[in-house]
Amino acid sequence: MKILLAGDSTVANCPTQEFPMSGWGAHLAPLTYTWAAVHNFAKGGASTESFRSEGLWADLLAGAGPGDLVFIQFGHNDQKKQHLAARTGYAANLRTMVAEVHAVGAATALCTSVERRHFLDVPSSDAVLEESLEDYPEVVRELALELGLAILDLNAWTRCLYLGLGPDGSRELFCHFAPGEHAHWPDGLADNTHFSQHGAALVAGEVARQLGGLGYGAKQRLAGTTAGRG
């Protein structure tokens, strides 16, 4: 089977000049290759709208079919456009995507967007993490329930991850470089949206774990073994 990924930079295979910046989709194949081939169509800056207008969605659908699984994770860039508000344009686009996936016989899994690492500066002994994605994750949860779809709540999971590590420990999950440390960003970089290799690998590991909980993996390996005995 194939796992096909639709998403933004937090899912994508980042350009080589940006290494070690990475989306979680770039780390999924080593965890699934024995039973599913990962095809990552995610692109930096993509929204539910631009992913279609740039032809990426058509390319994904052309490669999807019965027995395949399509992951959809958007929100970071939809959030920047008024007409793609969570309960209007964004939700409508997700509904259309799901219907089109099912029309080619594939299954859909919705993903809530991974959280940004925005700790609030508040007079408290406890770390407080901003809910930077507003109601976009909740809309995905509602749609999954309404449409009877599998959901991977990566927003909730990443929030727990960052809070567990705290403001200092969670920093290594993202791309932070002092001036002179990275050739592509000679003036330095403090990025709390895009993962480092370590951060992306942790999220991919959670995706694989949740796939196992949904019943994927073991049954596909068993089917492949049985077919091989022909």
C-alpha atoms as a PDB file:
ATOM      1  CA  MET A   1       0.000   0.000   0.000  1.00  0.00           C
ATOM      2  CA  LYS A   2       0.912   3.660  -0.263  1.00  0.00           C
ATOM      3  CA  ILE A   3       0.753   6.416   2.322  1.00  0.00           C
ATOM      4  CA  LEU A   4       0.337   9.761   0.552  1.00  0.00           C
ATOM      5  CA  LEU A   5       0.966  12.973   2.470  1.00  0.00           C
ATOM      6  CA  ALA A   6      -0.723  16.321   1.808  1.00  0.00           C
ATOM      7  CA  GLY A   7       0.494  19.186   3.954  1.00  0.00           C
ATOM      8  CA  ASP A   8       2.739  22.170   4.528  1.00  0.00           C
ATOM      9  CA  SER A   9       6.376  22.623   5.575  1.00  0.00           C
ATOM     10  CA  THR A  10       5.846  20.893   8.927  1.00  0.00           C
ATOM     11  CA  VAL A  11       5.190  17.703   6.911  1.00  0.00           C
ATOM     12  CA  ALA A  12       7.384  18.283   3.850  1.00  0.00           C
ATOM     13  CA  ASN A  13      10.814  17.101   2.774  1.00  0.00           C
ATOM     14  CA  CYS A  14      12.595  20.429   3.220  1.00  0.00           C
ATOM     15  CA  PRO A  15      15.098  21.738   0.625  1.00  0.00           C
ATOM     16  CA  THR A  16      18.633  20.434   1.133  1.00  0.00           C
ATOM     17  CA  GLN A  17      20.015  23.920   1.775  1.00  0.00           C
ATOM     18  CA  GLU A  18      17.801  24.142   4.847  1.00  0.00           C
ATOM     19  CA  PHE A  19      19.171  20.989   6.518  1.00  0.00           C
ATOM     20  CA  PRO A  20      18.681  20.078   9.373  1.00  0.00           C
ATOM     21  CA  MET A  21      15.214  21.652   9.046  1.00  0.00           C
ATOM     22  CA  SER A  22      12.671  18.931   8.364  1.00  0.00           C
ATOM     23  CA  GLY A  23       8.995  18.093   8.218  1.00  0.00           C
ATOM     24  CA  TRP A  24       7.829  14.917   9.945  1.00  0.00           C
ATOM     25  CA  GLY A  25       6.877  13.298   6.626  1.00  0.00           C
ATOM     26  CA  ALA A  26      10.557  13.037   5.725  1.00  0.00           C
ATOM     27  CA  HIS A  27      11.067  10.612   8.635  1.00  0.00           C
ATOM     28  CA  LEU A  28       8.039   8.378   8.188  1.00  0.00           C
ATOM     29  CA  ALA A  29       9.347   6.028   5.479  1.00  0.00           C
ATOM     30  CA  PRO A  30      11.967   4.293   7.687  1.00  0.00           C
ATOM     31  CA  LEU A  31       9.132   3.345  10.048  1.00  0.00           C
ATOM     32  CA  THR A  32       6.697   2.010   7.438  1.00  0.00           C
ATOM     33  CA  TYR A  33       8.665   0.848   4.393  1.00  0.00           C
ATOM     34  CA  THR A  34       8.161  -2.863   5.150  1.00  0.00           C
ATOM     35  CA  TRP A  35       4.411  -2.505   4.643  1.00  0.00           C
ATOM     36  CA  ALA A  36       3.740   0.897   3.050  1.00  0.00           C
ATOM     37  CA  ALA A  37       5.596   3.229   0.689  1.00  0.00           C
ATOM     38  CA  VAL A  38       5.470   6.894   1.701  1.00  0.00           C
ATOM     39  CA  HIS A  39       4.835   9.470  -1.039  1.00  0.00           C
ATOM     40  CA  ASN A  40       5.307  12.952   0.391  1.00  0.00           C
ATOM     41  CA  PHE A  41       3.583  15.692  -1.635  1.00  0.00           C
ATOM     42  CA  ALA A  42       3.677  18.267   1.185  1.00  0.00           C
ATOM     43  CA  LYS A  43       5.208  21.646   0.369  1.00  0.00           C
ATOM     44  CA  GLY A  44       6.397  24.599   2.382  1.00  0.00           C
ATOM     45  CA  GLY A  45       3.889  27.440   2.475  1.00  0.00           C
ATOM     46  CA  ALA A  46       0.997  25.283   1.288  1.00  0.00           C
ATOM     47  CA  SER A  47      -2.615  25.825   2.317  1.00  0.00           C
ATOM     48  CA  THR A  48      -5.687  23.776   1.429  1.00  0.00           C
ATOM     49  CA  GLU A  49      -6.139  26.229  -1.449  1.00  0.00           C
ATOM     50  CA  SER A  50      -2.612  26.539  -2.863  1.00  0.00           C
ATOM     51  CA  PHE A  51      -2.027  22.802  -2.629  1.00  0.00           C
ATOM     52  CA  ARG A  52      -4.791  22.401  -5.190  1.00  0.00           C
ATOM     53  CA  SER A  53      -3.996  25.438  -7.371  1.00  0.00           C
ATOM     54  CA  GLU A  54      -0.353  24.380  -7.752  1.00  0.00           C
ATOM     55  CA  GLY A  55      -1.370  20.927  -8.971  1.00  0.00           C
ATOM     56  CA  LEU A  56      -0.022  19.010  -5.993  1.00  0.00           C
ATOM     57  CA  TRP A  57      -3.423  17.668  -5.016  1.00  0.00           C
ATOM     58  CA  ALA A  58      -4.090  16.398  -8.543  1.00  0.00           C
ATOM     59  CA  ASP A  59      -0.698  14.670  -8.555  1.00  0.00           C
ATOM     60  CA  LEU A  60      -1.467  13.015  -5.225  1.00  0.00           C
ATOM     61  CA  LEU A  61      -4.896  11.798  -6.340  1.00  0.00           C
ATOM     62  CA  ALA A  62      -3.420  10.409  -9.557  1.00  0.00           C
ATOM     63  CA  GLY A  63      -1.245   8.103  -7.473  1.00  0.00           C
ATOM     64  CA  ALA A  64      -3.882   7.067  -4.924  1.00  0.00           C
ATOM     65  CA  GLY A  65      -6.183   4.103  -5.162  1.00  0.00           C
ATOM     66  CA  PRO A  66      -7.926   1.320  -3.251  1.00  0.00           C
ATOM     67  CA  GLY A  67      -5.983   0.184  -0.200  1.00  0.00           C
ATOM     68  CA  ASP A  68      -3.984   3.430   0.054  1.00  0.00           C
ATOM     69  CA  LEU A  69      -4.111   5.975   2.874  1.00  0.00           C
ATOM     70  CA  VAL A  70      -4.012   9.753   2.421  1.00  0.00           C
ATOM     71  CA  PHE A  71      -2.929  11.975   5.302  1.00  0.00           C
ATOM     72  CA  ILE A  72      -4.135  15.588   5.224  1.00  0.00           C
ATOM     73  CA  GLN A  73      -2.555  18.195   7.538  1.00  0.00           C
ATOM     74  CA  PHE A  74      -3.044  21.893   6.850  1.00  0.00           C
ATOM     75  CA  GLY A  75      -3.786  24.964   8.932  1.00  0.00           C
ATOM     76  CA  HIS A  76      -0.574  26.929   9.462  1.00  0.00           C
ATOM     77  CA  ASN A  77      -0.946  28.817   6.192  1.00  0.00           C
ATOM     78  CA  ASP A  78      -4.744  28.736   5.875  1.00  0.00           C
ATOM     79  CA  GLN A  79      -4.679  30.685   9.120  1.00  0.00           C
ATOM     80  CA  LYS A  80      -2.988  33.570   7.326  1.00  0.00           C
ATOM     81  CA  LYS A  81      -5.859  34.087   4.860  1.00  0.00           C
ATOM     82  CA  GLN A  82      -9.235  35.454   5.923  1.00  0.00           C
ATOM     83  CA  HIS A  83     -11.186  33.511   3.309  1.00  0.00           C
ATOM     84  CA  LEU A  84      -9.647  30.252   4.620  1.00  0.00           C
ATOM     85  CA  ALA A  85     -10.962  30.734   8.152  1.00  0.00           C
ATOM     86  CA  ALA A  86     -11.265  27.485  10.085  1.00  0.00           C
ATOM     87  CA  ARG A  87     -15.053  27.123   9.959  1.00  0.00           C
ATOM     88  CA  THR A  88     -15.554  28.452   6.437  1.00  0.00           C
ATOM     89  CA  GLY A  89     -13.038  28.080   3.592  1.00  0.00           C
ATOM     90  CA  TYR A  90     -10.707  25.713   5.427  1.00  0.00           C
ATOM     91  CA  ALA A  91     -13.452  23.312   6.509  1.00  0.00           C
ATOM     92  CA  ALA A  92     -15.049  23.396   3.049  1.00  0.00           C
ATOM     93  CA  ASN A  93     -11.732  22.588   1.382  1.00  0.00           C
ATOM     94  CA  LEU A  94     -11.098  19.680   3.737  1.00  0.00           C
ATOM     95  CA  ARG A  95     -14.550  18.250   3.022  1.00  0.00           C
ATOM     96  CA  THR A  96     -13.867  18.408  -0.714  1.00  0.00           C
ATOM     97  CA  MET A  97     -10.476  16.746  -0.316  1.00  0.00           C
ATOM     98  CA  VAL A  98     -11.934  13.896   1.721  1.00  0.00           C
ATOM     99  CA  ALA A  99     -14.683  13.307  -0.860  1.00  0.00           C
ATOM    100  CA  GLU A 100     -12.143  13.233  -3.685  1.00  0.00           C
ATOM    101  CA  VAL A 101      -9.903  10.762  -1.855  1.00  0.00           C
ATOM    102  CA  HIS A 102     -12.841   8.451  -1.283  1.00  0.00           C
ATOM    103  CA  ALA A 103     -13.869   8.798  -4.939  1.00  0.00           C
ATOM    104  CA  VAL A 104     -10.606   7.114  -6.001  1.00  0.00           C
ATOM    105  CA  GLY A 105     -11.091   4.360  -3.425  1.00  0.00           C
ATOM    106  CA  ALA A 106      -8.444   5.416  -0.911  1.00  0.00           C
ATOM    107  CA  ALA A 107      -8.893   6.053   2.815  1.00  0.00           C
ATOM    108  CA  THR A 108      -8.344   9.382   4.585  1.00  0.00           C
ATOM    109  CA  ALA A 109      -6.742  10.233   7.901  1.00  0.00           C
ATOM    110  CA  LEU A 110      -7.007  13.841   9.078  1.00  0.00           C
ATOM    111  CA  CYS A 111      -4.187  15.318  11.148  1.00  0.00           C
ATOM    112  CA  THR A 112      -4.511  18.321  13.408  1.00  0.00           C
ATOM    113  CA  SER A 113      -1.644  20.736  12.779  1.00  0.00           C
ATOM    114  CA  VAL A 114       1.451  20.385  14.917  1.00  0.00           C
ATOM    115  CA  GLU A 115       1.671  23.206  17.429  1.00  0.00           C
ATOM    116  CA  ARG A 116       4.164  26.060  17.266  1.00  0.00           C
ATOM    117  CA  ARG A 117       6.591  26.433  20.174  1.00  0.00           C
ATOM    118  CA  HIS A 118       5.279  29.717  21.548  1.00  0.00           C
ATOM    119  CA  PHE A 119       5.685  29.798  25.317  1.00  0.00           C
ATOM    120  CA  LEU A 120       4.020  32.766  26.951  1.00  0.00           C
ATOM    121  CA  ASP A 121       5.956  35.076  29.230  1.00  0.00           C
ATOM    122  CA  VAL A 122       3.640  35.021  32.230  1.00  0.00           C
ATOM    123  CA  PRO A 123       4.261  35.453  35.974  1.00  0.00           C
ATOM    124  CA  SER A 124       3.824  31.783  36.785  1.00  0.00           C
ATOM    125  CA  SER A 125       6.007  28.895  37.893  1.00  0.00           C
ATOM    126  CA  ASP A 126       4.340  26.713  35.240  1.00  0.00           C
ATOM    127  CA  ALA A 127       5.131  26.942  31.532  1.00  0.00           C
ATOM    128  CA  VAL A 128       2.198  28.202  29.453  1.00  0.00           C
ATOM    129  CA  LEU A 129       2.045  27.348  25.748  1.00  0.00           C
ATOM    130  CA  GLU A 130       0.080  29.583  23.387  1.00  0.00           C
ATOM    131  CA  GLU A 131      -2.709  27.961  21.361  1.00  0.00           C
ATOM    132  CA  SER A 132      -1.272  29.477  18.205  1.00  0.00           C
ATOM    133  CA  LEU A 133      -3.558  27.664  15.761  1.00  0.00           C
ATOM    134  CA  GLU A 134      -6.797  29.029  17.207  1.00  0.00           C
ATOM    135  CA  ASP A 135      -9.779  26.809  16.302  1.00  0.00           C
ATOM    136  CA  TYR A 136      -8.192  25.020  13.320  1.00  0.00           C
ATOM    137  CA  PRO A 137      -7.343  21.842  15.298  1.00  0.00           C
ATOM    138  CA  GLU A 138     -10.836  21.708  16.808  1.00  0.00           C
ATOM    139  CA  VAL A 139     -12.439  21.979  13.367  1.00  0.00           C
ATOM    140  CA  VAL A 140     -10.386  18.980  12.213  1.00  0.00           C
ATOM    141  CA  ARG A 141     -11.522  16.995  15.253  1.00  0.00           C
ATOM    142  CA  GLU A 142     -15.146  17.884  14.536  1.00  0.00           C
ATOM    143  CA  LEU A 143     -14.867  16.942  10.863  1.00  0.00           C
ATOM    144  CA  ALA A 144     -13.255  13.603  11.659  1.00  0.00           C
ATOM    145  CA  LEU A 145     -16.056  12.777  14.081  1.00  0.00           C
ATOM    146  CA  GLU A 146     -18.780  13.918  11.683  1.00  0.00           C
ATOM    147  CA  LEU A 147     -17.355  12.065   8.677  1.00  0.00           C
ATOM    148  CA  GLY A 148     -16.247   8.972  10.567  1.00  0.00           C
ATOM    149  CA  LEU A 149     -12.579   9.429   9.665  1.00  0.00           C
ATOM    150  CA  ALA A 150      -9.390   8.353  11.363  1.00  0.00           C
ATOM    151  CA  ILE A 151      -7.698  11.286  13.088  1.00  0.00           C
ATOM    152  CA  LEU A 152      -4.181  11.798  14.349  1.00  0.00           C
ATOM    153  CA  ASP A 153      -4.314  14.581  16.911  1.00  0.00           C
ATOM    154  CA  LEU A 154      -0.782  15.856  16.428  1.00  0.00           C
ATOM    155  CA  ASN A 155      -1.682  19.235  17.886  1.00  0.00           C
ATOM    156  CA  ALA A 156      -2.574  17.723  21.250  1.00  0.00           C
ATOM    157  CA  TRP A 157       0.441  15.417  21.174  1.00  0.00           C
ATOM    158  CA  THR A 158       2.979  18.111  20.298  1.00  0.00           C
ATOM    159  CA  ARG A 159       1.555  20.417  22.957  1.00  0.00           C
ATOM    160  CA  CYS A 160       2.109  17.704  25.564  1.00  0.00           C
ATOM    161  CA  LEU A 161       5.604  17.091  24.188  1.00  0.00           C
ATOM    162  CA  TYR A 162       6.667  20.740  24.402  1.00  0.00           C
ATOM    163  CA  LEU A 163       5.160  21.266  27.835  1.00  0.00           C
ATOM    164  CA  GLY A 164       6.801  18.099  29.129  1.00  0.00           C
ATOM    165  CA  LEU A 165      10.212  19.257  27.919  1.00  0.00           C
ATOM    166  CA  GLY A 166       9.634  22.868  28.965  1.00  0.00           C
ATOM    167  CA  PRO A 167      10.823  26.067  27.274  1.00  0.00           C
ATOM    168  CA  ASP A 168      14.487  25.054  27.355  1.00  0.00           C
ATOM    169  CA  GLY A 169      14.242  21.344  26.584  1.00  0.00           C
ATOM    170  CA  SER A 170      11.811  21.816  23.697  1.00  0.00           C
ATOM    171  CA  ARG A 171      14.152  24.223  21.939  1.00  0.00           C
ATOM    172  CA  GLU A 172      16.182  21.339  20.450  1.00  0.00           C
ATOM    173  CA  LEU A 173      13.098  20.140  18.579  1.00  0.00           C
ATOM    174  CA  PHE A 174      13.295  23.243  16.361  1.00  0.00           C
ATOM    175  CA  CYS A 175      15.813  25.136  14.255  1.00  0.00           C
ATOM    176  CA  HIS A 176      17.815  27.629  16.279  1.00  0.00           C
ATOM    177  CA  PHE A 177      21.186  28.840  15.007  1.00  0.00           C
ATOM    178  CA  ALA A 178      23.452  31.590  16.248  1.00  0.00           C
ATOM    179  CA  PRO A 179      25.042  33.932  13.672  1.00  0.00           C
ATOM    180  CA  GLY A 180      27.672  32.056  11.712  1.00  0.00           C
ATOM    181  CA  GLU A 181      26.411  28.575  12.628  1.00  0.00           C
ATOM    182  CA  HIS A 182      24.510  27.871   9.398  1.00  0.00           C
ATOM    183  CA  ALA A 183      25.526  28.803   5.845  1.00  0.00           C
ATOM    184  CA  HIS A 184      21.934  29.306   4.669  1.00  0.00           C
ATOM    185  CA  TRP A 185      21.105  31.632   7.595  1.00  0.00           C
ATOM    186  CA  PRO A 186      24.410  33.443   8.215  1.00  0.00           C
ATOM    187  CA  ASP A 187      22.705  35.982  10.486  1.00  0.00           C
ATOM    188  CA  GLY A 188      21.233  33.239  12.669  1.00  0.00           C
ATOM    189  CA  LEU A 189      17.752  31.769  13.019  1.00  0.00           C
ATOM    190  CA  ALA A 190      15.247  31.360  15.838  1.00  0.00           C
ATOM    191  CA  ASP A 191      12.470  29.246  14.332  1.00  0.00           C
ATOM    192  CA  ASN A 192       9.760  27.821  16.578  1.00  0.00           C
ATOM    193  CA  THR A 193       7.589  26.428  13.781  1.00  0.00           C
ATOM    194  CA  HIS A 194       9.927  24.215  11.741  1.00  0.00           C
ATOM    195  CA  PHE A 195      11.405  21.083  13.240  1.00  0.00           C
ATOM    196  CA  SER A 196      14.997  19.979  13.507  1.00  0.00           C
ATOM    197  CA  GLN A 197      15.807  16.436  12.438  1.00  0.00           C
ATOM    198  CA  HIS A 198      15.289  15.318  16.029  1.00  0.00           C
ATOM    199  CA  GLY A 199      11.929  17.032  16.388  1.00  0.00           C
ATOM    200  CA  ALA A 200      10.631  15.767  13.048  1.00  0.00           C
ATOM    201  CA  ALA A 201      11.719  12.209  13.858  1.00  0.00           C
ATOM    202  CA  LEU A 202       9.838  12.291  17.168  1.00  0.00           C
ATOM    203  CA  VAL A 203       6.620  13.383  15.450  1.00  0.00           C
ATOM    204  CA  ALA A 204       7.050  10.733  12.740  1.00  0.00           C
ATOM    205  CA  GLY A 205       7.469   8.143  15.451  1.00  0.00           C
ATOM    206  CA  GLU A 206       4.182   9.197  17.000  1.00  0.00           C
ATOM    207  CA  VAL A 207       2.471   9.058  13.597  1.00  0.00           C
ATOM    208  CA  ALA A 208       3.721   5.495  13.133  1.00  0.00           C
ATOM    209  CA  ARG A 209       2.587   4.568  16.641  1.00  0.00           C
ATOM    210  CA  GLN A 210      -0.896   5.943  16.024  1.00  0.00           C
ATOM    211  CA  LEU A 211      -1.042   4.127  12.682  1.00  0.00           C
ATOM    212  CA  GLY A 212      -0.417   0.913  14.570  1.00  0.00           C
ATOM    213  CA  GLY A 213      -3.250   1.788  16.920  1.00  0.00           C
ATOM    214  CA  LEU A 214      -5.524   2.207  13.905  1.00  0.00           C
ATOM    215  CA  GLY A 215      -4.647  -1.309  12.747  1.00  0.00           C
ATOM    216  CA  TYR A 216      -2.136  -0.444  10.047  1.00  0.00           C
ATOM    217  CA  GLY A 217       1.206  -2.193   9.765  1.00  0.00           C
ATOM    218  CA  ALA A 218       0.778  -5.706  11.098  1.00  0.00           C
ATOM    219  CA  LYS A 219      -2.052  -6.715   8.794  1.00  0.00           C
ATOM    220  CA  GLN A 220      -0.258  -5.293   5.752  1.00  0.00           C
ATOM    221  CA  ARG A 221       2.949  -7.191   6.634  1.00  0.00           C
ATOM    222  CA  LEU A 222       0.952 -10.380   7.120  1.00  0.00           C
ATOM    223  CA  ALA A 223      -0.809  -9.938   3.780  1.00  0.00           C
ATOM    224  CA  GLY A 224       2.525  -9.382   2.056  1.00  0.00           C
ATOM    225  CA  THR A 225       3.991 -12.516   3.625  1.00  0.00           C
ATOM    226  CA  THR A 226       1.001 -14.607   2.597  1.00  0.00           C
ATOM    227  CA  ALA A 227       1.180 -13.302  -0.959  1.00  0.00           C
ATOM    228  CA  GLY A 228       4.865 -14.121  -1.118  1.00  0.00           C
ATOM    229  CA  ARG A 229       4.212 -17.772  -0.335  1.00  0.00           C
ATOM    230  CA  GLY A 230       2.164 -18.167  -3.560  1.00  0.00           C
END
